[in-house]
Amino acid sequence: VAMGTDSAEEIQSYISNHPWPFDHVANAGETIFTI
Protein backbone atom coordinates (compact mmCIF):
# COMPACT_ATOMS: atom_id res chain seq x y z
CA VAL A 1 0.00 0.00 0.00
CA ALA A 2 1.57 3.29 -1.08
CA MET A 3 0.99 6.45 0.91
CA GLY A 4 1.96 9.70 -0.73
CA THR A 5 1.38 13.40 -0.73
CA ASP A 6 0.27 13.43 -4.37
CA SER A 7 -3.33 14.20 -5.23
CA ALA A 8 -5.68 11.52 -6.54
CA GLU A 9 -5.56 13.22 -9.95
CA GLU A 10 -1.75 13.12 -10.05
CA ILE A 11 -1.77 9.45 -9.08
CA GLN A 12 -4.40 8.59 -11.70
CA SER A 13 -2.41 10.44 -14.34
CA TYR A 14 0.71 8.43 -13.47
CA ILE A 15 -0.97 5.02 -13.33
CA SER A 16 -2.77 5.62 -16.62
CA ASN A 17 0.68 5.34 -18.24
CA HIS A 18 2.40 2.96 -15.78
CA PRO A 19 0.76 -0.22 -14.45
CA TRP A 20 0.31 -0.04 -10.67
CA PRO A 21 -1.27 -3.17 -9.17
CA PHE A 22 -1.32 -1.77 -5.61
CA ASP A 23 -3.52 0.47 -3.52
CA HIS A 24 -2.43 4.07 -3.15
CA VAL A 25 -3.55 6.50 -0.45
CA ALA A 26 -3.59 10.00 -1.96
CA ASN A 27 -3.20 13.24 -0.05
CA ALA A 28 -1.69 11.35 2.89
CA GLY A 29 0.58 14.17 4.05
CA GLU A 30 -1.17 14.55 7.40
CA THR A 31 -0.93 10.82 8.08
CA ILE A 32 2.72 10.69 7.02
CA PHE A 33 3.91 13.77 8.89
CA THR A 34 1.51 14.04 11.85
CA ILE A 35 0.50 10.51 12.77
PDB file of all heavy atoms in Angstrom:
ATOM      1  N   VAL A   1       0.870  -1.168   0.000  1.00  0.00           N
ATOM      2  CA  VAL A   1       0.000   0.000   0.000  1.00  0.00           C
ATOM      3  C   VAL A   1       0.911   1.223   0.000  1.00  0.00           C
ATOM      4  O   VAL A   1       1.754   1.369   0.888  1.00  0.00           O
ATOM      5  CB  VAL A   1      -0.928   0.039   1.230  1.00  0.00           C
ATOM      6  CG1 VAL A   1      -1.767   1.304   1.232  1.00  0.00           C
ATOM      7  CG2 VAL A   1      -1.808  -1.200   1.288  1.00  0.00           C
ATOM      8  N   ALA A   2       0.768   2.073  -0.992  1.00  0.00           N
ATOM      9  CA  ALA A   2       1.573   3.292  -1.079  1.00  0.00           C
ATOM     10  C   ALA A   2       0.820   4.440  -0.427  1.00  0.00           C
ATOM     11  O   ALA A   2      -0.385   4.578  -0.597  1.00  0.00           O
ATOM     12  CB  ALA A   2       1.856   3.626  -2.536  1.00  0.00           C
ATOM     13  N   MET A   3       1.544   5.236   0.324  1.00  0.00           N
ATOM     14  CA  MET A   3       0.989   6.453   0.905  1.00  0.00           C
ATOM     15  C   MET A   3       1.841   7.600   0.393  1.00  0.00           C
ATOM     16  O   MET A   3       3.068   7.569   0.525  1.00  0.00           O
ATOM     17  CB  MET A   3       1.036   6.407   2.428  1.00  0.00           C
ATOM     18  CG  MET A   3       0.197   5.301   3.019  1.00  0.00           C
ATOM     19  SD  MET A   3       0.304   5.266   4.807  1.00  0.00           S
ATOM     20  CE  MET A   3      -0.641   6.716   5.210  1.00  0.00           C
ATOM     21  N   GLY A   4       1.211   8.580  -0.190  1.00  0.00           N
ATOM     22  CA  GLY A   4       1.965   9.698  -0.733  1.00  0.00           C
ATOM     23  C   GLY A   4       1.250  11.017  -0.549  1.00  0.00           C
ATOM     24  O   GLY A   4       0.089  11.060  -0.151  1.00  0.00           O
ATOM     25  N   THR A   5       1.958  12.064  -0.847  1.00  0.00           N
ATOM     26  CA  THR A   5       1.379  13.400  -0.726  1.00  0.00           C
ATOM     27  C   THR A   5       0.742  13.866  -2.028  1.00  0.00           C
ATOM     28  O   THR A   5       0.128  14.925  -2.064  1.00  0.00           O
ATOM     29  CB  THR A   5       2.463  14.406  -0.293  1.00  0.00           C
ATOM     30  OG1 THR A   5       3.523  14.383  -1.249  1.00  0.00           O
ATOM     31  CG2 THR A   5       3.002  14.062   1.088  1.00  0.00           C
ATOM     32  N   ASP A   6       0.854  13.066  -3.079  1.00  0.00           N
ATOM     33  CA  ASP A   6       0.271  13.427  -4.366  1.00  0.00           C
ATOM     34  C   ASP A   6      -1.256  13.399  -4.292  1.00  0.00           C
ATOM     35  O   ASP A   6      -1.848  12.653  -3.508  1.00  0.00           O
ATOM     36  CB  ASP A   6       0.717  12.450  -5.457  1.00  0.00           C
ATOM     37  CG  ASP A   6       2.219  12.435  -5.646  1.00  0.00           C
ATOM     38  OD1 ASP A   6       2.814  13.518  -5.695  1.00  0.00           O
ATOM     39  OD2 ASP A   6       2.780  11.334  -5.722  1.00  0.00           O
ATOM     40  N   SER A   7      -1.874  14.193  -5.155  1.00  0.00           N
ATOM     41  CA  SER A   7      -3.335  14.205  -5.231  1.00  0.00           C
ATOM     42  C   SER A   7      -3.822  12.961  -5.976  1.00  0.00           C
ATOM     43  O   SER A   7      -3.054  12.316  -6.698  1.00  0.00           O
ATOM     44  CB  SER A   7      -3.820  15.456  -5.972  1.00  0.00           C
ATOM     45  OG  SER A   7      -3.490  15.365  -7.347  1.00  0.00           O
ATOM     46  N   ALA A   8      -5.089  12.660  -5.826  1.00  0.00           N
ATOM     47  CA  ALA A   8      -5.678  11.520  -6.536  1.00  0.00           C
ATOM     48  C   ALA A   8      -5.547  11.712  -8.045  1.00  0.00           C
ATOM     49  O   ALA A   8      -5.303  10.749  -8.772  1.00  0.00           O
ATOM     50  CB  ALA A   8      -7.145  11.354  -6.132  1.00  0.00           C
ATOM     51  N   GLU A   9      -5.682  12.940  -8.515  1.00  0.00           N
ATOM     52  CA  GLU A   9      -5.560  13.225  -9.948  1.00  0.00           C
ATOM     53  C   GLU A   9      -4.141  12.955 -10.444  1.00  0.00           C
ATOM     54  O   GLU A   9      -3.944  12.394 -11.525  1.00  0.00           O
ATOM     55  CB  GLU A   9      -5.953  14.675 -10.247  1.00  0.00           C
ATOM     56  CG  GLU A   9      -7.410  14.973 -10.003  1.00  0.00           C
ATOM     57  CD  GLU A   9      -7.749  15.223  -8.522  1.00  0.00           C
ATOM     58  OE1 GLU A   9      -6.844  15.509  -7.709  1.00  0.00           O
ATOM     59  OE2 GLU A   9      -8.938  15.108  -8.187  1.00  0.00           O
ATOM     60  N   GLU A  10      -3.135  13.361  -9.663  1.00  0.00           N
ATOM     61  CA  GLU A  10      -1.745  13.118 -10.047  1.00  0.00           C
ATOM     62  C   GLU A  10      -1.451  11.619 -10.100  1.00  0.00           C
ATOM     63  O   GLU A  10      -0.778  11.134 -11.011  1.00  0.00           O
ATOM     64  CB  GLU A  10      -0.786  13.796  -9.070  1.00  0.00           C
ATOM     65  CG  GLU A  10      -0.798  15.305  -9.164  1.00  0.00           C
ATOM     66  CD  GLU A  10      -0.050  15.971  -8.035  1.00  0.00           C
ATOM     67  OE1 GLU A  10      -0.285  15.626  -6.856  1.00  0.00           O
ATOM     68  OE2 GLU A  10       0.781  16.851  -8.339  1.00  0.00           O
ATOM     69  N   ILE A  11      -1.976  10.896  -9.125  1.00  0.00           N
ATOM     70  CA  ILE A  11      -1.772   9.446  -9.084  1.00  0.00           C
ATOM     71  C   ILE A  11      -2.442   8.789 -10.282  1.00  0.00           C
ATOM     72  O   ILE A  11      -1.855   7.955 -10.960  1.00  0.00           O
ATOM     73  CB  ILE A  11      -2.294   8.857  -7.761  1.00  0.00           C
ATOM     74  CG1 ILE A  11      -1.445   9.369  -6.601  1.00  0.00           C
ATOM     75  CG2 ILE A  11      -2.311   7.329  -7.809  1.00  0.00           C
ATOM     76  CD1 ILE A  11      -2.057   9.132  -5.241  1.00  0.00           C
ATOM     77  N   GLN A  12      -3.676   9.168 -10.561  1.00  0.00           N
ATOM     78  CA  GLN A  12      -4.404   8.594 -11.697  1.00  0.00           C
ATOM     79  C   GLN A  12      -3.690   8.885 -13.003  1.00  0.00           C
ATOM     80  O   GLN A  12      -3.598   8.029 -13.881  1.00  0.00           O
ATOM     81  CB  GLN A  12      -5.844   9.110 -11.743  1.00  0.00           C
ATOM     82  CG  GLN A  12      -6.702   8.400 -12.750  1.00  0.00           C
ATOM     83  CD  GLN A  12      -6.768   6.897 -12.521  1.00  0.00           C
ATOM     84  OE1 GLN A  12      -6.892   6.426 -11.401  1.00  0.00           O
ATOM     85  NE2 GLN A  12      -6.666   6.128 -13.588  1.00  0.00           N
ATOM     86  N   SER A  13      -3.154  10.078 -13.140  1.00  0.00           N
ATOM     87  CA  SER A  13      -2.410  10.436 -14.339  1.00  0.00           C
ATOM     88  C   SER A  13      -1.182   9.538 -14.502  1.00  0.00           C
ATOM     89  O   SER A  13      -0.899   9.065 -15.604  1.00  0.00           O
ATOM     90  CB  SER A  13      -1.978  11.904 -14.270  1.00  0.00           C
ATOM     91  OG  SER A  13      -1.157  12.231 -15.367  1.00  0.00           O
ATOM     92  N   TYR A  14      -0.487   9.281 -13.409  1.00  0.00           N
ATOM     93  CA  TYR A  14       0.706   8.428 -13.472  1.00  0.00           C
ATOM     94  C   TYR A  14       0.328   6.988 -13.822  1.00  0.00           C
ATOM     95  O   TYR A  14       0.900   6.391 -14.717  1.00  0.00           O
ATOM     96  CB  TYR A  14       1.476   8.462 -12.148  1.00  0.00           C
ATOM     97  CG  TYR A  14       2.672   7.546 -12.188  1.00  0.00           C
ATOM     98  CD1 TYR A  14       3.849   7.958 -12.790  1.00  0.00           C
ATOM     99  CD2 TYR A  14       2.600   6.252 -11.674  1.00  0.00           C
ATOM    100  CE1 TYR A  14       4.947   7.105 -12.872  1.00  0.00           C
ATOM    101  CE2 TYR A  14       3.684   5.396 -11.757  1.00  0.00           C
ATOM    102  CZ  TYR A  14       4.853   5.828 -12.349  1.00  0.00           C
ATOM    103  OH  TYR A  14       5.920   4.975 -12.439  1.00  0.00           O
ATOM    104  N   ILE A  15      -0.657   6.432 -13.108  1.00  0.00           N
ATOM    105  CA  ILE A  15      -0.970   5.018 -13.333  1.00  0.00           C
ATOM    106  C   ILE A  15      -1.685   4.773 -14.659  1.00  0.00           C
ATOM    107  O   ILE A  15      -1.732   3.639 -15.116  1.00  0.00           O
ATOM    108  CB  ILE A  15      -1.751   4.387 -12.159  1.00  0.00           C
ATOM    109  CG1 ILE A  15      -3.093   5.062 -11.932  1.00  0.00           C
ATOM    110  CG2 ILE A  15      -0.921   4.396 -10.896  1.00  0.00           C
ATOM    111  CD1 ILE A  15      -3.930   4.401 -10.864  1.00  0.00           C
ATOM    112  N   SER A  16      -2.186   5.822 -15.297  1.00  0.00           N
ATOM    113  CA  SER A  16      -2.765   5.618 -16.622  1.00  0.00           C
ATOM    114  C   SER A  16      -1.678   5.261 -17.635  1.00  0.00           C
ATOM    115  O   SER A  16      -1.962   4.635 -18.653  1.00  0.00           O
ATOM    116  CB  SER A  16      -3.542   6.851 -17.074  1.00  0.00           C
ATOM    117  OG  SER A  16      -2.675   7.936 -17.314  1.00  0.00           O
ATOM    118  N   ASN A  17      -0.439   5.633 -17.353  1.00  0.00           N
ATOM    119  CA  ASN A  17       0.685   5.336 -18.242  1.00  0.00           C
ATOM    120  C   ASN A  17       1.633   4.267 -17.705  1.00  0.00           C
ATOM    121  O   ASN A  17       2.500   3.800 -18.436  1.00  0.00           O
ATOM    122  CB  ASN A  17       1.489   6.607 -18.517  1.00  0.00           C
ATOM    123  CG  ASN A  17       0.683   7.639 -19.260  1.00  0.00           C
ATOM    124  OD1 ASN A  17       0.042   7.330 -20.246  1.00  0.00           O
ATOM    125  ND2 ASN A  17       0.686   8.858 -18.762  1.00  0.00           N
ATOM    126  N   HIS A  18       1.511   3.939 -16.421  1.00  0.00           N
ATOM    127  CA  HIS A  18       2.403   2.963 -15.784  1.00  0.00           C
ATOM    128  C   HIS A  18       1.558   2.011 -14.929  1.00  0.00           C
ATOM    129  O   HIS A  18       0.925   2.454 -13.975  1.00  0.00           O
ATOM    130  CB  HIS A  18       3.421   3.666 -14.883  1.00  0.00           C
ATOM    131  CG  HIS A  18       4.241   4.685 -15.604  1.00  0.00           C
ATOM    132  ND1 HIS A  18       3.835   5.997 -15.768  1.00  0.00           N
ATOM    133  CD2 HIS A  18       5.434   4.581 -16.228  1.00  0.00           C
ATOM    134  CE1 HIS A  18       4.759   6.651 -16.444  1.00  0.00           C
ATOM    135  NE2 HIS A  18       5.733   5.817 -16.742  1.00  0.00           N
ATOM    136  N   PRO A  19       1.553   0.730 -15.241  1.00  0.00           N
ATOM    137  CA  PRO A  19       0.763  -0.220 -14.445  1.00  0.00           C
ATOM    138  C   PRO A  19       1.122  -0.150 -12.962  1.00  0.00           C
ATOM    139  O   PRO A  19       2.297  -0.093 -12.606  1.00  0.00           O
ATOM    140  CB  PRO A  19       1.133  -1.577 -15.040  1.00  0.00           C
ATOM    141  CG  PRO A  19       1.642  -1.274 -16.406  1.00  0.00           C
ATOM    142  CD  PRO A  19       2.300   0.075 -16.316  1.00  0.00           C
ATOM    143  N   TRP A  20       0.120  -0.147 -12.128  1.00  0.00           N
ATOM    144  CA  TRP A  20       0.306  -0.036 -10.674  1.00  0.00           C
ATOM    145  C   TRP A  20      -0.699  -0.972 -10.012  1.00  0.00           C
ATOM    146  O   TRP A  20      -1.843  -0.595  -9.775  1.00  0.00           O
ATOM    147  CB  TRP A  20       0.064   1.410 -10.236  1.00  0.00           C
ATOM    148  CG  TRP A  20       0.223   1.653  -8.782  1.00  0.00           C
ATOM    149  CD1 TRP A  20      -0.744   1.582  -7.824  1.00  0.00           C
ATOM    150  CD2 TRP A  20       1.419   2.008  -8.106  1.00  0.00           C
ATOM    151  NE1 TRP A  20      -0.228   1.872  -6.600  1.00  0.00           N
ATOM    152  CE2 TRP A  20       1.100   2.143  -6.746  1.00  0.00           C
ATOM    153  CE3 TRP A  20       2.723   2.223  -8.515  1.00  0.00           C
ATOM    154  CZ2 TRP A  20       2.052   2.485  -5.795  1.00  0.00           C
ATOM    155  CZ3 TRP A  20       3.656   2.570  -7.569  1.00  0.00           C
ATOM    156  CH2 TRP A  20       3.320   2.697  -6.229  1.00  0.00           C
ATOM    157  N   PRO A  21      -0.311  -2.198  -9.693  1.00  0.00           N
ATOM    158  CA  PRO A  21      -1.267  -3.175  -9.169  1.00  0.00           C
ATOM    159  C   PRO A  21      -1.472  -3.091  -7.651  1.00  0.00           C
ATOM    160  O   PRO A  21      -1.829  -4.062  -7.017  1.00  0.00           O
ATOM    161  CB  PRO A  21      -0.604  -4.503  -9.552  1.00  0.00           C
ATOM    162  CG  PRO A  21       0.855  -4.209  -9.476  1.00  0.00           C
ATOM    163  CD  PRO A  21       1.000  -2.785  -9.957  1.00  0.00           C
ATOM    164  N   PHE A  22      -1.230  -1.923  -7.062  1.00  0.00           N
ATOM    165  CA  PHE A  22      -1.316  -1.773  -5.614  1.00  0.00           C
ATOM    166  C   PHE A  22      -2.271  -0.640  -5.261  1.00  0.00           C
ATOM    167  O   PHE A  22      -2.562   0.223  -6.068  1.00  0.00           O
ATOM    168  CB  PHE A  22       0.062  -1.445  -5.028  1.00  0.00           C
ATOM    169  CG  PHE A  22       1.159  -2.348  -5.500  1.00  0.00           C
ATOM    170  CD1 PHE A  22       2.146  -1.883  -6.339  1.00  0.00           C
ATOM    171  CD2 PHE A  22       1.195  -3.677  -5.107  1.00  0.00           C
ATOM    172  CE1 PHE A  22       3.161  -2.710  -6.781  1.00  0.00           C
ATOM    173  CE2 PHE A  22       2.204  -4.514  -5.548  1.00  0.00           C
ATOM    174  CZ  PHE A  22       3.185  -4.032  -6.386  1.00  0.00           C
ATOM    175  N   ASP A  23      -2.697  -0.627  -4.015  1.00  0.00           N
ATOM    176  CA  ASP A  23      -3.521   0.475  -3.522  1.00  0.00           C
ATOM    177  C   ASP A  23      -2.629   1.673  -3.242  1.00  0.00           C
ATOM    178  O   ASP A  23      -1.462   1.530  -2.876  1.00  0.00           O
ATOM    179  CB  ASP A  23      -4.238   0.063  -2.232  1.00  0.00           C
ATOM    180  CG  ASP A  23      -5.269  -1.022  -2.465  1.00  0.00           C
ATOM    181  OD1 ASP A  23      -5.914  -1.009  -3.534  1.00  0.00           O
ATOM    182  OD2 ASP A  23      -5.431  -1.881  -1.592  1.00  0.00           O
ATOM    183  N   HIS A  24      -3.185   2.844  -3.408  1.00  0.00           N
ATOM    184  CA  HIS A  24      -2.432   4.066  -3.146  1.00  0.00           C
ATOM    185  C   HIS A  24      -3.321   5.028  -2.370  1.00  0.00           C
ATOM    186  O   HIS A  24      -4.437   5.311  -2.784  1.00  0.00           O
ATOM    187  CB  HIS A  24      -1.992   4.727  -4.454  1.00  0.00           C
ATOM    188  CG  HIS A  24      -0.936   5.756  -4.253  1.00  0.00           C
ATOM    189  ND1 HIS A  24       0.347   5.589  -4.680  1.00  0.00           N
ATOM    190  CD2 HIS A  24      -0.968   6.956  -3.640  1.00  0.00           C
ATOM    191  CE1 HIS A  24       1.066   6.634  -4.349  1.00  0.00           C
ATOM    192  NE2 HIS A  24       0.280   7.491  -3.726  1.00  0.00           N
ATOM    193  N   VAL A  25      -2.828   5.523  -1.258  1.00  0.00           N
ATOM    194  CA  VAL A  25      -3.546   6.497  -0.454  1.00  0.00           C
ATOM    195  C   VAL A  25      -3.056   7.879  -0.890  1.00  0.00           C
ATOM    196  O   VAL A  25      -1.880   8.215  -0.714  1.00  0.00           O
ATOM    197  CB  VAL A  25      -3.289   6.277   1.054  1.00  0.00           C
ATOM    198  CG1 VAL A  25      -4.032   7.320   1.876  1.00  0.00           C
ATOM    199  CG2 VAL A  25      -3.688   4.869   1.460  1.00  0.00           C
ATOM    200  N   ALA A  26      -3.942   8.654  -1.483  1.00  0.00           N
ATOM    201  CA  ALA A  26      -3.593   9.995  -1.957  1.00  0.00           C
ATOM    202  C   ALA A  26      -3.736  11.014  -0.832  1.00  0.00           C
ATOM    203  O   ALA A  26      -4.414  10.765   0.174  1.00  0.00           O
ATOM    204  CB  ALA A  26      -4.511  10.378  -3.121  1.00  0.00           C
ATOM    205  N   ASN A  27      -3.086  12.142  -1.005  1.00  0.00           N
ATOM    206  CA  ASN A  27      -3.197  13.242  -0.045  1.00  0.00           C
ATOM    207  C   ASN A  27      -2.954  12.781   1.389  1.00  0.00           C
ATOM    208  O   ASN A  27      -3.660  13.176   2.307  1.00  0.00           O
ATOM    209  CB  ASN A  27      -4.570  13.911  -0.162  1.00  0.00           C
ATOM    210  CG  ASN A  27      -4.828  14.466  -1.538  1.00  0.00           C
ATOM    211  OD1 ASN A  27      -3.996  15.160  -2.093  1.00  0.00           O
ATOM    212  ND2 ASN A  27      -5.976  14.134  -2.110  1.00  0.00           N
ATOM    213  N   ALA A  28      -1.949  11.941   1.574  1.00  0.00           N
ATOM    214  CA  ALA A  28      -1.691  11.345   2.890  1.00  0.00           C
ATOM    215  C   ALA A  28      -0.657  12.118   3.705  1.00  0.00           C
ATOM    216  O   ALA A  28      -0.096  11.594   4.657  1.00  0.00           O
ATOM    217  CB  ALA A  28      -1.245   9.896   2.720  1.00  0.00           C
ATOM    218  N   GLY A  29      -0.412  13.366   3.349  1.00  0.00           N
ATOM    219  CA  GLY A  29       0.581  14.169   4.053  1.00  0.00           C
ATOM    220  C   GLY A  29       0.349  14.242   5.546  1.00  0.00           C
ATOM    221  O   GLY A  29       1.280  14.092   6.339  1.00  0.00           O
ATOM    222  N   GLU A  30      -0.885  14.459   5.974  1.00  0.00           N
ATOM    223  CA  GLU A  30      -1.170  14.553   7.404  1.00  0.00           C
ATOM    224  C   GLU A  30      -0.851  13.237   8.109  1.00  0.00           C
ATOM    225  O   GLU A  30      -0.252  13.227   9.181  1.00  0.00           O
ATOM    226  CB  GLU A  30      -2.631  14.934   7.647  1.00  0.00           C
ATOM    227  CG  GLU A  30      -2.928  15.085   9.123  1.00  0.00           C
ATOM    228  CD  GLU A  30      -4.342  15.565   9.399  1.00  0.00           C
ATOM    229  OE1 GLU A  30      -5.011  16.073   8.476  1.00  0.00           O
ATOM    230  OE2 GLU A  30      -4.770  15.418  10.544  1.00  0.00           O
ATOM    231  N   THR A  31      -1.231  12.134   7.500  1.00  0.00           N
ATOM    232  CA  THR A  31      -0.926  10.824   8.084  1.00  0.00           C
ATOM    233  C   THR A  31       0.576  10.605   8.158  1.00  0.00           C
ATOM    234  O   THR A  31       1.105  10.183   9.184  1.00  0.00           O
ATOM    235  CB  THR A  31      -1.576   9.699   7.252  1.00  0.00           C
ATOM    236  OG1 THR A  31      -2.989   9.912   7.217  1.00  0.00           O
ATOM    237  CG2 THR A  31      -1.284   8.333   7.838  1.00  0.00           C
ATOM    238  N   ILE A  32       1.276  10.912   7.083  1.00  0.00           N
ATOM    239  CA  ILE A  32       2.720  10.690   7.019  1.00  0.00           C
ATOM    240  C   ILE A  32       3.455  11.552   8.042  1.00  0.00           C
ATOM    241  O   ILE A  32       4.299  11.059   8.802  1.00  0.00           O
ATOM    242  CB  ILE A  32       3.245  10.980   5.601  1.00  0.00           C
ATOM    243  CG1 ILE A  32       2.678   9.960   4.603  1.00  0.00           C
ATOM    244  CG2 ILE A  32       4.768  10.983   5.568  1.00  0.00           C
ATOM    245  CD1 ILE A  32       2.882  10.339   3.143  1.00  0.00           C
ATOM    246  N   PHE A  33       3.135  12.841   8.077  1.00  0.00           N
ATOM    247  CA  PHE A  33       3.907  13.772   8.890  1.00  0.00           C
ATOM    248  C   PHE A  33       3.393  13.930  10.319  1.00  0.00           C
ATOM    249  O   PHE A  33       4.177  14.119  11.240  1.00  0.00           O
ATOM    250  CB  PHE A  33       3.970  15.138   8.210  1.00  0.00           C
ATOM    251  CG  PHE A  33       4.590  15.077   6.845  1.00  0.00           C
ATOM    252  CD1 PHE A  33       3.870  15.419   5.722  1.00  0.00           C
ATOM    253  CD2 PHE A  33       5.899  14.649   6.682  1.00  0.00           C
ATOM    254  CE1 PHE A  33       4.443  15.352   4.454  1.00  0.00           C
ATOM    255  CE2 PHE A  33       6.490  14.579   5.422  1.00  0.00           C
ATOM    256  CZ  PHE A  33       5.752  14.926   4.311  1.00  0.00           C
ATOM    257  N   THR A  34       2.075  13.813  10.523  1.00  0.00           N
ATOM    258  CA  THR A  34       1.514  14.043  11.850  1.00  0.00           C
ATOM    259  C   THR A  34       1.351  12.747  12.643  1.00  0.00           C
ATOM    260  O   THR A  34       1.791  12.650  13.779  1.00  0.00           O
ATOM    261  CB  THR A  34       0.158  14.765  11.741  1.00  0.00           C
ATOM    262  OG1 THR A  34       0.349  15.961  10.989  1.00  0.00           O
ATOM    263  CG2 THR A  34      -0.393  15.094  13.109  1.00  0.00           C
ATOM    264  N   ILE A  35       0.752  11.751  12.038  1.00  0.00           N
ATOM    265  CA  ILE A  35       0.495  10.507  12.767  1.00  0.00           C
ATOM    266  C   ILE A  35       1.753   9.661  12.864  1.00  0.00           C
ATOM    267  O   ILE A  35       2.148   9.233  13.940  1.00  0.00           O
ATOM    268  CB  ILE A  35      -0.661   9.730  12.121  1.00  0.00           C
ATOM    269  CG1 ILE A  35      -1.954  10.548  12.249  1.00  0.00           C
ATOM    270  CG2 ILE A  35      -0.813   8.345  12.755  1.00  0.00           C
ATOM    271  CD1 ILE A  35      -3.140   9.989  11.518  1.00  0.00           C
TER     272      ILE A  35
END
